[in-house]
Amino acid sequence: MKAWLIHPDGRQKELELRVGDGLSIAHQHLGDITLDLTRVRYNGHVCTMVVDDMGHDKALPVNAVATAAYLAACIPGTTHQIRGPVVIFDQLLP
């Protein structure tokens, strides 16, 4: 399984992990936050993205890459923005 840490400034880092490491990897890279998981379309695949659930309340910067992945999986007309760093996994987490 692979994952990508994507920062709001566009920097991306590929992460190698074992099956079952998903949420611990997300906490390791995003910190001790309230996680929210959502389905996204990234690199042509349906994947799971983990975000800081309080990103809007904390006024974190908009993450354009994560927002595009999110909107690609949403119904047309959705305008929600993803804020702060995210971790996107190359598959759906159970």
Protein backbone atom coordinates (compact mmCIF):
# COMPACT_ATOMS: atom_id res chain seq x y z
CA MET A 1 0.00 0.00 0.00
CA LYS A 2 1.17 3.52 -0.73
CA ALA A 3 0.13 6.89 0.54
CA TRP A 4 1.01 10.50 -0.20
CA LEU A 5 1.40 13.34 2.26
CA ILE A 6 0.20 16.46 0.45
CA HIS A 7 0.88 19.90 1.90
CA PRO A 8 -1.16 23.02 1.12
CA ASP A 9 1.81 24.53 -0.73
CA GLY A 10 1.74 21.58 -3.18
CA ARG A 11 4.70 19.64 -1.79
CA GLN A 12 4.08 15.89 -1.92
CA LYS A 13 5.89 13.02 -0.27
CA GLU A 14 5.23 9.37 -1.09
CA LEU A 15 4.91 7.17 1.98
CA GLU A 16 5.47 3.41 2.08
CA LEU A 17 3.40 1.47 4.57
CA ARG A 18 2.01 -1.93 5.42
CA VAL A 19 -1.66 -2.83 5.33
CA GLY A 20 -3.19 -1.85 8.66
CA ASP A 21 -0.84 1.12 9.22
CA GLY A 22 -3.19 3.69 7.66
CA LEU A 23 -4.49 5.68 10.59
CA SER A 24 -1.26 5.51 12.55
CA ILE A 25 0.61 6.86 9.51
CA ALA A 26 -1.97 9.64 9.16
CA HIS A 27 -1.55 10.61 12.83
CA GLN A 28 2.23 10.45 12.49
CA HIS A 29 2.22 12.96 9.61
CA LEU A 30 -0.79 15.11 10.49
CA GLY A 31 -0.40 15.20 14.26
CA ASP A 32 -2.78 14.46 17.10
CA ILE A 33 -5.91 15.80 15.43
CA THR A 34 -9.50 14.76 14.87
CA LEU A 35 -9.27 12.81 11.63
CA ASP A 36 -11.96 12.75 8.97
CA LEU A 37 -11.86 10.19 6.17
CA THR A 38 -13.41 10.79 2.78
CA ARG A 39 -13.43 9.11 -0.61
CA VAL A 40 -11.57 10.98 -3.35
CA ARG A 41 -10.38 10.46 -6.91
CA TYR A 42 -6.58 10.78 -7.09
CA ASN A 43 -4.23 9.68 -9.89
CA GLY A 44 -7.23 8.13 -11.65
CA HIS A 45 -8.18 5.89 -8.71
CA VAL A 46 -10.81 6.00 -5.99
CA CYS A 47 -8.84 6.43 -2.77
CA THR A 48 -9.25 7.39 0.88
CA MET A 49 -8.12 10.83 2.01
CA VAL A 50 -7.51 11.67 5.67
CA VAL A 51 -7.88 15.32 6.69
CA ASP A 52 -7.94 17.44 9.85
CA ASP A 53 -11.66 17.62 10.60
CA MET A 54 -11.16 21.06 12.17
CA GLY A 55 -9.14 22.51 9.27
CA HIS A 56 -11.75 25.17 8.49
CA ASP A 57 -12.19 26.16 12.14
CA LYS A 58 -8.40 26.46 12.52
CA ALA A 59 -8.25 28.60 9.33
CA LEU A 60 -5.62 26.29 7.82
CA PRO A 61 -4.52 27.16 4.28
CA VAL A 62 -6.48 25.73 1.36
CA ASN A 63 -4.92 22.59 -0.12
CA ALA A 64 -5.58 22.90 -3.87
CA VAL A 65 -4.41 19.36 -4.73
CA ALA A 66 -6.57 17.79 -2.01
CA THR A 67 -9.53 19.98 -2.93
CA ALA A 68 -9.29 18.91 -6.58
CA ALA A 69 -9.16 15.23 -5.56
CA TYR A 70 -12.17 15.74 -3.30
CA LEU A 71 -14.23 17.61 -5.88
CA ALA A 72 -13.47 14.95 -8.52
CA ALA A 73 -15.41 12.46 -6.37
CA CYS A 74 -18.27 14.79 -5.37
CA ILE A 75 -21.56 15.57 -7.01
CA PRO A 76 -21.36 18.50 -9.47
CA GLY A 77 -21.76 21.87 -7.77
CA THR A 78 -19.91 20.97 -4.55
CA THR A 79 -17.73 23.89 -3.46
CA HIS A 80 -16.18 22.66 -0.19
CA GLN A 81 -12.43 23.28 0.13
CA ILE A 82 -9.93 21.01 1.90
CA ARG A 83 -7.64 22.84 4.31
CA GLY A 84 -4.27 21.85 5.72
CA PRO A 85 -2.07 18.85 4.95
CA VAL A 86 -3.70 15.54 4.04
CA VAL A 87 -2.73 11.92 3.57
CA ILE A 88 -4.18 10.14 0.53
CA PHE A 89 -4.01 6.34 0.43
CA ASP A 90 -3.84 4.50 -2.90
CA GLN A 91 -6.92 2.45 -2.01
CA LEU A 92 -10.02 2.59 0.11
CA LEU A 93 -9.40 1.92 3.79
CA PRO A 94 -11.79 -0.55 5.42
